[in-house]
N, C-alpha and C. Protein backbone atom coordinates (compact mmCIF):
# COMPACT_ATOMS: atom_id res chain seq x y z
N MET A 1 20.72 -0.89 14.33
CA MET A 1 19.72 -1.52 13.83
C MET A 1 20.24 -1.59 12.23
N GLU A 2 19.73 -2.90 11.69
CA GLU A 2 20.29 -3.31 10.18
C GLU A 2 19.30 -2.87 9.19
N LEU A 3 19.47 -2.15 8.23
CA LEU A 3 18.60 -1.76 7.54
C LEU A 3 18.76 -2.84 6.01
N ASN A 4 17.57 -2.81 5.51
CA ASN A 4 17.75 -4.10 4.20
C ASN A 4 18.09 -5.02 4.35
N ILE A 5 17.75 -5.99 5.42
CA ILE A 5 18.32 -7.55 5.48
C ILE A 5 17.54 -8.18 4.38
N PRO A 6 18.21 -8.81 3.45
CA PRO A 6 17.88 -9.60 2.15
C PRO A 6 16.43 -10.28 2.37
N ASP A 7 16.49 -10.93 3.35
CA ASP A 7 15.26 -12.07 3.27
C ASP A 7 13.80 -11.15 4.03
N ILE A 8 14.33 -10.00 4.80
CA ILE A 8 12.95 -9.28 5.42
C ILE A 8 12.63 -8.58 4.41
N VAL A 9 13.32 -7.86 3.13
CA VAL A 9 12.81 -7.03 2.14
C VAL A 9 12.06 -7.94 1.26
N ALA A 10 12.46 -9.28 1.00
CA ALA A 10 11.73 -10.05 0.37
C ALA A 10 10.42 -10.67 1.11
N GLU A 11 10.44 -10.60 2.30
CA GLU A 11 8.98 -10.95 2.93
C GLU A 11 8.32 -9.52 2.64
N VAL A 12 8.84 -8.47 2.72
CA VAL A 12 7.71 -7.27 2.75
C VAL A 12 7.45 -7.31 1.26
N ARG A 13 8.38 -7.30 0.51
CA ARG A 13 8.00 -7.23 -1.06
C ARG A 13 6.82 -8.18 -1.41
N GLU A 14 6.82 -9.31 -0.84
CA GLU A 14 5.83 -10.25 -1.05
C GLU A 14 4.80 -9.95 -0.26
N ALA A 15 4.64 -9.38 0.63
CA ALA A 15 3.23 -8.71 1.57
C ALA A 15 2.68 -7.72 0.47
N PHE A 16 3.64 -6.67 -0.06
CA PHE A 16 3.19 -5.62 -0.73
C PHE A 16 2.47 -5.92 -2.11
N MET A 17 3.08 -7.11 -2.66
CA MET A 17 2.64 -7.57 -4.00
C MET A 17 1.23 -8.30 -4.00
N ARG A 18 1.20 -8.83 -2.70
CA ARG A 18 -0.04 -9.64 -2.25
C ARG A 18 -1.07 -8.44 -2.17
N TYR A 19 -0.81 -7.35 -1.59
CA TYR A 19 -1.75 -5.97 -1.29
C TYR A 19 -1.95 -5.66 -2.73
N GLU A 20 -1.06 -5.51 -3.66
CA GLU A 20 -1.22 -4.80 -4.97
C GLU A 20 -2.31 -5.65 -5.84
N GLN A 21 -1.88 -7.04 -5.83
CA GLN A 21 -2.94 -8.00 -6.67
C GLN A 21 -4.31 -7.76 -5.94
N ALA A 22 -4.43 -7.81 -4.68
CA ALA A 22 -5.75 -7.58 -4.16
C ALA A 22 -6.29 -6.24 -4.50
N LEU A 23 -5.72 -5.21 -4.64
CA LEU A 23 -6.10 -4.05 -4.96
C LEU A 23 -6.60 -3.77 -6.14
N VAL A 24 -5.90 -4.16 -7.30
CA VAL A 24 -6.41 -4.29 -8.91
C VAL A 24 -7.45 -5.29 -8.91
N THR A 25 -7.81 -6.41 -8.24
CA THR A 25 -8.46 -7.18 -8.60
C THR A 25 -9.92 -7.05 -7.58
N ASN A 26 -9.82 -6.04 -6.89
CA ASN A 26 -10.83 -5.39 -5.75
C ASN A 26 -11.17 -6.62 -4.89
N ASP A 27 -10.28 -7.45 -4.64
CA ASP A 27 -10.52 -8.75 -3.51
C ASP A 27 -10.42 -8.00 -1.96
N VAL A 28 -11.56 -7.56 -1.85
CA VAL A 28 -11.64 -6.69 -0.34
C VAL A 28 -11.20 -7.65 0.62
N ALA A 29 -11.47 -8.65 0.79
CA ALA A 29 -11.09 -9.84 1.98
C ALA A 29 -9.49 -9.76 2.30
N THR A 30 -8.86 -9.98 1.09
CA THR A 30 -7.19 -9.75 1.26
C THR A 30 -6.96 -8.42 1.66
N LEU A 31 -7.37 -7.30 0.96
CA LEU A 31 -6.97 -5.80 1.18
C LEU A 31 -7.29 -5.78 2.90
N ASP A 32 -8.44 -6.20 3.35
CA ASP A 32 -8.74 -6.17 5.05
C ASP A 32 -7.83 -6.73 5.55
N ALA A 33 -7.24 -8.12 5.08
CA ALA A 33 -6.47 -8.78 5.95
C ALA A 33 -4.93 -8.24 5.82
N CYS A 34 -4.69 -7.35 4.70
CA CYS A 34 -3.25 -6.61 4.74
C CYS A 34 -3.13 -5.69 5.68
N PHE A 35 -4.12 -5.14 6.43
CA PHE A 35 -4.15 -3.90 7.27
C PHE A 35 -4.25 -4.52 8.61
N TRP A 36 -3.82 -3.72 9.36
CA TRP A 36 -3.65 -4.12 11.04
C TRP A 36 -5.00 -3.69 11.55
N THR A 37 -5.69 -4.79 12.18
CA THR A 37 -6.92 -4.58 12.77
C THR A 37 -6.93 -3.93 13.95
N SER A 38 -7.20 -2.81 13.89
CA SER A 38 -6.72 -1.71 15.16
C SER A 38 -7.54 -0.44 14.86
N PRO A 39 -7.85 0.28 15.98
CA PRO A 39 -8.52 1.66 15.74
C PRO A 39 -7.62 2.61 15.77
N HIS A 40 -6.13 2.30 15.64
CA HIS A 40 -4.98 3.06 15.55
C HIS A 40 -4.61 3.05 13.82
N THR A 41 -4.86 2.11 13.22
CA THR A 41 -4.55 1.89 11.74
C THR A 41 -5.24 3.53 10.94
N ILE A 42 -4.26 4.04 10.05
CA ILE A 42 -4.67 5.00 9.48
C ILE A 42 -4.31 5.07 7.81
N ARG A 43 -5.62 5.27 7.07
CA ARG A 43 -5.17 5.35 5.70
C ARG A 43 -5.64 6.82 5.09
N TYR A 44 -4.90 7.39 4.57
CA TYR A 44 -5.23 8.78 3.87
C TYR A 44 -5.25 8.43 2.54
N GLY A 45 -6.45 8.69 2.12
CA GLY A 45 -6.69 8.41 0.64
C GLY A 45 -6.77 9.54 -0.26
N LEU A 46 -7.28 9.29 -1.48
CA LEU A 46 -7.43 10.34 -2.44
C LEU A 46 -8.43 11.45 -2.08
N GLY A 47 -9.66 11.02 -1.54
CA GLY A 47 -10.36 12.11 -0.85
C GLY A 47 -10.94 11.96 0.30
N GLU A 48 -10.49 10.93 1.22
CA GLU A 48 -10.70 10.41 2.41
C GLU A 48 -9.30 10.52 3.39
N ASN A 49 -9.83 10.61 5.01
CA ASN A 49 -9.08 10.51 5.83
C ASN A 49 -9.58 9.40 6.83
N LEU A 50 -9.10 8.08 6.74
CA LEU A 50 -9.64 6.93 7.43
C LEU A 50 -8.87 6.70 8.68
N TYR A 51 -9.42 6.95 9.81
CA TYR A 51 -8.95 6.33 11.13
C TYR A 51 -9.55 5.32 11.64
N GLY A 52 -8.73 4.03 11.79
CA GLY A 52 -9.19 2.95 12.41
C GLY A 52 -9.91 1.97 11.25
N ILE A 53 -9.59 0.59 11.80
CA ILE A 53 -9.84 -0.56 10.56
C ILE A 53 -11.22 -0.34 10.30
N GLU A 54 -12.20 0.07 10.96
CA GLU A 54 -13.79 -0.16 10.71
C GLU A 54 -13.98 1.11 9.66
N ALA A 55 -13.15 2.20 9.95
CA ALA A 55 -13.48 3.12 8.59
C ALA A 55 -12.62 2.76 7.57
N ILE A 56 -11.82 1.87 7.36
CA ILE A 56 -10.91 1.85 6.25
C ILE A 56 -11.84 0.34 5.72
N ARG A 57 -12.39 -0.43 6.19
CA ARG A 57 -13.31 -1.42 5.78
C ARG A 57 -14.39 -0.69 4.97
N GLY A 58 -15.04 0.16 6.00
CA GLY A 58 -16.42 0.88 5.38
C GLY A 58 -16.03 1.20 3.76
N PHE A 59 -14.67 1.99 3.76
CA PHE A 59 -14.47 2.77 2.47
C PHE A 59 -14.21 1.26 1.59
N ARG A 60 -13.38 0.44 1.77
CA ARG A 60 -13.06 -0.73 0.97
C ARG A 60 -14.48 -1.50 0.36
N ASN A 61 -15.30 -1.44 1.47
CA ASN A 61 -16.54 -2.10 0.97
C ASN A 61 -17.50 -1.30 -0.01
N GLY A 62 -17.26 -0.02 0.02
CA GLY A 62 -18.14 0.99 -0.64
C GLY A 62 -17.55 1.48 -2.03
N ARG A 63 -15.99 1.22 -2.15
CA ARG A 63 -15.35 1.81 -3.27
C ARG A 63 -15.75 1.22 -4.50
N SER A 64 -15.72 1.95 -5.76
CA SER A 64 -15.90 1.51 -6.92
C SER A 64 -15.00 0.46 -7.48
N ASN A 65 -15.09 -0.41 -8.47
CA ASN A 65 -14.45 -1.42 -8.64
C ASN A 65 -13.59 -0.85 -10.10
N LEU A 66 -14.18 0.60 -10.86
CA LEU A 66 -13.60 0.80 -12.00
C LEU A 66 -12.20 1.29 -11.71
N ASP A 67 -11.38 1.35 -12.79
CA ASP A 67 -10.28 1.99 -13.18
C ASP A 67 -9.24 1.56 -12.14
N LEU A 68 -9.23 0.20 -11.74
CA LEU A 68 -8.23 -0.28 -10.65
C LEU A 68 -6.79 -0.83 -11.32
N THR A 69 -6.66 -1.33 -12.28
CA THR A 69 -5.47 -1.55 -13.05
C THR A 69 -4.89 -0.42 -13.19
N ARG A 70 -3.55 -0.86 -12.98
CA ARG A 70 -2.43 0.33 -12.95
C ARG A 70 -0.88 -0.60 -13.11
N GLU A 71 -0.09 0.47 -13.18
CA GLU A 71 1.37 0.30 -13.82
C GLU A 71 2.22 0.92 -12.46
N LEU A 72 3.04 0.05 -11.91
CA LEU A 72 3.98 0.43 -10.93
C LEU A 72 5.43 0.98 -11.50
N GLY A 73 5.81 1.90 -10.74
CA GLY A 73 7.10 2.41 -11.13
C GLY A 73 7.76 2.75 -9.81
N ALA A 74 9.15 2.85 -9.92
CA ALA A 74 10.17 3.37 -8.65
C ALA A 74 9.58 2.80 -7.12
N THR A 75 9.21 1.43 -7.38
CA THR A 75 8.76 1.01 -6.07
C THR A 75 10.11 0.85 -5.15
N ILE A 76 10.13 1.19 -3.85
CA ILE A 76 11.26 1.05 -3.03
C ILE A 76 10.64 0.55 -1.49
N ILE A 77 11.07 -0.62 -1.49
CA ILE A 77 10.92 -1.38 -0.06
C ILE A 77 12.28 -1.17 0.94
N THR A 78 11.94 -0.61 2.16
CA THR A 78 13.03 -0.03 3.23
C THR A 78 12.72 -0.92 4.35
N THR A 79 13.56 -1.68 4.71
CA THR A 79 13.24 -2.39 6.13
C THR A 79 14.09 -1.86 7.18
N PHE A 80 13.49 -1.81 8.47
CA PHE A 80 14.36 -1.17 9.48
C PHE A 80 14.48 -2.37 10.42
N GLY A 81 15.55 -3.15 10.74
CA GLY A 81 15.52 -4.37 11.57
C GLY A 81 14.77 -5.40 10.59
N ARG A 82 13.99 -6.41 11.54
CA ARG A 82 13.29 -7.40 11.01
C ARG A 82 12.07 -7.31 11.39
N ASP A 83 11.20 -5.94 11.82
CA ASP A 83 9.91 -5.92 11.91
C ASP A 83 9.35 -4.78 11.49
N ALA A 84 10.02 -4.04 10.94
CA ALA A 84 9.46 -2.63 10.44
C ALA A 84 9.88 -2.44 9.14
N ALA A 85 9.02 -1.71 8.09
CA ALA A 85 9.30 -1.33 6.80
C ALA A 85 8.50 -0.24 6.27
N THR A 86 9.08 0.19 5.19
CA THR A 86 7.97 1.25 4.47
C THR A 86 7.98 0.71 3.12
N ALA A 87 6.83 0.79 2.15
CA ALA A 87 7.03 0.62 0.72
C ALA A 87 6.29 1.85 0.13
N SER A 88 7.07 2.28 -0.78
CA SER A 88 6.75 3.32 -1.52
C SER A 88 6.52 3.24 -2.91
N THR A 89 5.66 3.61 -3.49
CA THR A 89 5.47 3.27 -5.02
C THR A 89 4.92 4.42 -5.89
N LEU A 90 5.19 4.69 -7.18
CA LEU A 90 4.44 5.47 -8.14
C LEU A 90 3.84 4.53 -8.74
N TYR A 91 2.66 5.14 -9.22
CA TYR A 91 1.74 4.30 -10.38
C TYR A 91 1.06 5.18 -11.12
N ARG A 92 0.75 4.54 -12.50
CA ARG A 92 -0.34 5.12 -13.28
C ARG A 92 -1.53 4.14 -13.66
N ARG A 93 -2.53 4.90 -13.48
CA ARG A 93 -3.80 3.88 -13.78
C ARG A 93 -3.90 3.73 -15.19
N ASN A 94 -4.01 2.56 -15.53
CA ASN A 94 -3.90 2.10 -17.06
C ASN A 94 -5.27 2.84 -17.78
N SER A 95 -6.51 2.82 -17.43
CA SER A 95 -7.57 3.41 -18.45
C SER A 95 -7.76 5.01 -18.12
N SER A 96 -7.30 5.61 -17.04
CA SER A 96 -7.39 7.03 -17.17
C SER A 96 -5.99 7.72 -17.29
N GLY A 97 -4.94 7.06 -17.07
CA GLY A 97 -3.39 7.68 -17.35
C GLY A 97 -3.12 8.41 -16.11
N LYS A 98 -4.02 8.31 -15.16
CA LYS A 98 -3.74 9.47 -13.87
C LYS A 98 -2.39 8.66 -13.19
N THR A 99 -1.71 9.55 -12.63
CA THR A 99 -0.24 9.03 -11.84
C THR A 99 -0.45 9.42 -10.51
N GLY A 100 -0.10 8.47 -9.71
CA GLY A 100 -0.28 8.72 -8.34
C GLY A 100 1.18 7.87 -7.52
N ARG A 101 0.99 8.24 -6.30
CA ARG A 101 2.06 7.86 -5.27
C ARG A 101 1.39 7.10 -4.27
N GLN A 102 1.89 6.30 -3.60
CA GLN A 102 1.57 5.52 -2.28
C GLN A 102 2.65 5.18 -1.26
N MET A 103 2.47 5.40 -0.26
CA MET A 103 3.16 5.05 0.83
C MET A 103 2.42 4.14 1.74
N GLN A 104 3.46 3.20 2.61
CA GLN A 104 2.72 2.55 3.55
C GLN A 104 3.86 2.19 4.46
N THR A 105 3.42 2.15 5.76
CA THR A 105 4.28 1.64 6.76
C THR A 105 3.73 0.06 7.02
N TRP A 106 4.93 -0.55 7.16
CA TRP A 106 4.39 -2.18 7.22
C TRP A 106 5.04 -2.56 8.83
N MET A 107 4.53 -3.09 9.56
CA MET A 107 5.02 -3.97 10.85
C MET A 107 4.92 -5.43 10.59
N ARG A 108 5.90 -5.88 11.56
CA ARG A 108 5.49 -7.44 11.50
C ARG A 108 4.85 -7.55 12.97
N LEU A 109 3.64 -7.93 13.07
CA LEU A 109 2.97 -8.48 14.18
C LEU A 109 2.69 -9.75 14.34
N ASP A 110 1.82 -10.22 15.06
CA ASP A 110 1.88 -11.86 15.66
C ASP A 110 1.14 -12.36 14.40
N GLU A 111 0.17 -11.64 13.64
CA GLU A 111 -0.27 -12.36 12.59
C GLU A 111 0.48 -12.33 11.35
N GLY A 112 1.58 -11.71 11.30
CA GLY A 112 2.49 -11.51 10.09
C GLY A 112 2.54 -9.95 9.64
N TRP A 113 3.03 -9.71 8.50
CA TRP A 113 3.13 -8.28 8.06
C TRP A 113 1.67 -7.54 7.82
N ARG A 114 1.74 -6.63 8.31
CA ARG A 114 0.37 -5.54 8.21
C ARG A 114 0.95 -4.10 7.97
N VAL A 115 -0.13 -3.26 7.37
CA VAL A 115 -0.14 -1.95 6.94
C VAL A 115 -0.63 -1.43 8.23
N VAL A 116 0.15 -0.59 8.85
CA VAL A 116 -0.35 0.07 9.98
C VAL A 116 -0.62 1.62 9.56
N ALA A 117 -0.20 2.21 8.63
CA ALA A 117 -0.30 3.64 7.83
C ALA A 117 -0.06 3.42 6.50
N ALA A 118 -1.11 4.52 5.82
CA ALA A 118 -1.06 4.41 4.44
C ALA A 118 -1.62 5.62 4.11
N HIS A 119 -0.58 6.27 2.73
CA HIS A 119 -1.15 7.40 2.02
C HIS A 119 -1.21 7.17 0.48
N VAL A 120 -2.29 7.65 -0.11
CA VAL A 120 -2.27 7.53 -1.68
C VAL A 120 -2.78 8.92 -2.01
N SER A 121 -2.12 9.47 -2.99
CA SER A 121 -2.54 10.65 -3.80
C SER A 121 -1.83 10.60 -5.03
N PHE A 122 -2.84 11.61 -5.91
CA PHE A 122 -2.66 11.66 -7.34
C PHE A 122 -1.55 12.80 -7.69
N LEU A 123 -0.69 12.64 -8.58
CA LEU A 123 0.39 13.83 -8.99
C LEU A 123 0.01 14.20 -10.35
N ASP A 124 0.89 15.18 -10.71
CA ASP A 124 0.77 15.77 -12.24
C ASP A 124 1.97 15.72 -12.61
N PHE A 125 2.37 14.88 -13.23
CA PHE A 125 3.83 14.74 -13.86
C PHE A 125 3.91 13.81 -14.54
N ASP A 126 5.03 13.68 -15.67
CA ASP A 126 5.32 12.96 -17.03
C ASP A 126 5.58 11.51 -16.21
N TRP A 127 5.06 10.56 -16.84
CA TRP A 127 5.46 8.90 -16.79
C TRP A 127 6.56 8.44 -17.78
N PRO A 128 7.28 7.87 -17.52
CA PRO A 128 7.71 6.89 -16.32
C PRO A 128 8.28 7.75 -15.24
N PRO A 129 7.78 7.20 -14.06
CA PRO A 129 8.44 7.72 -12.65
C PRO A 129 9.65 7.31 -12.85
N HIS A 130 10.74 8.07 -11.89
CA HIS A 130 12.09 7.35 -11.53
C HIS A 130 12.48 7.62 -10.15
N ALA A 131 13.43 6.78 -9.60
CA ALA A 131 13.65 6.99 -8.31
C ALA A 131 14.95 8.01 -8.15
N GLN A 132 14.88 9.02 -7.45
CA GLN A 132 15.89 9.67 -7.45
C GLN A 132 17.11 9.68 -6.44
């Protein structure tokens, strides 16, 4: 298996940035489109464990749109062959200053790149983050 094929890394980075833009603008339709439409999709959030696309959609439709803008740091895209990838990033919420981390597993499906599993959590350490 070939790691980090440049054109595949670029594709996943583009999908990741599309998701990021949708996240900070609360574009629920795009956020939904970025996730695999499956009962097997998982998203572990700040205070919720969501199993299946319907639970994820319900969360997205009900979440607050306050304090969404953030600064990213130490974003790492790793691809495995042409159809699987991870996207990992640290972030700082602009208004609250809270620091967090986000990991996503992306798969190339018939409909394009989709998140099949995600995890988001807050941390307590100094900004700016750096990759080690």
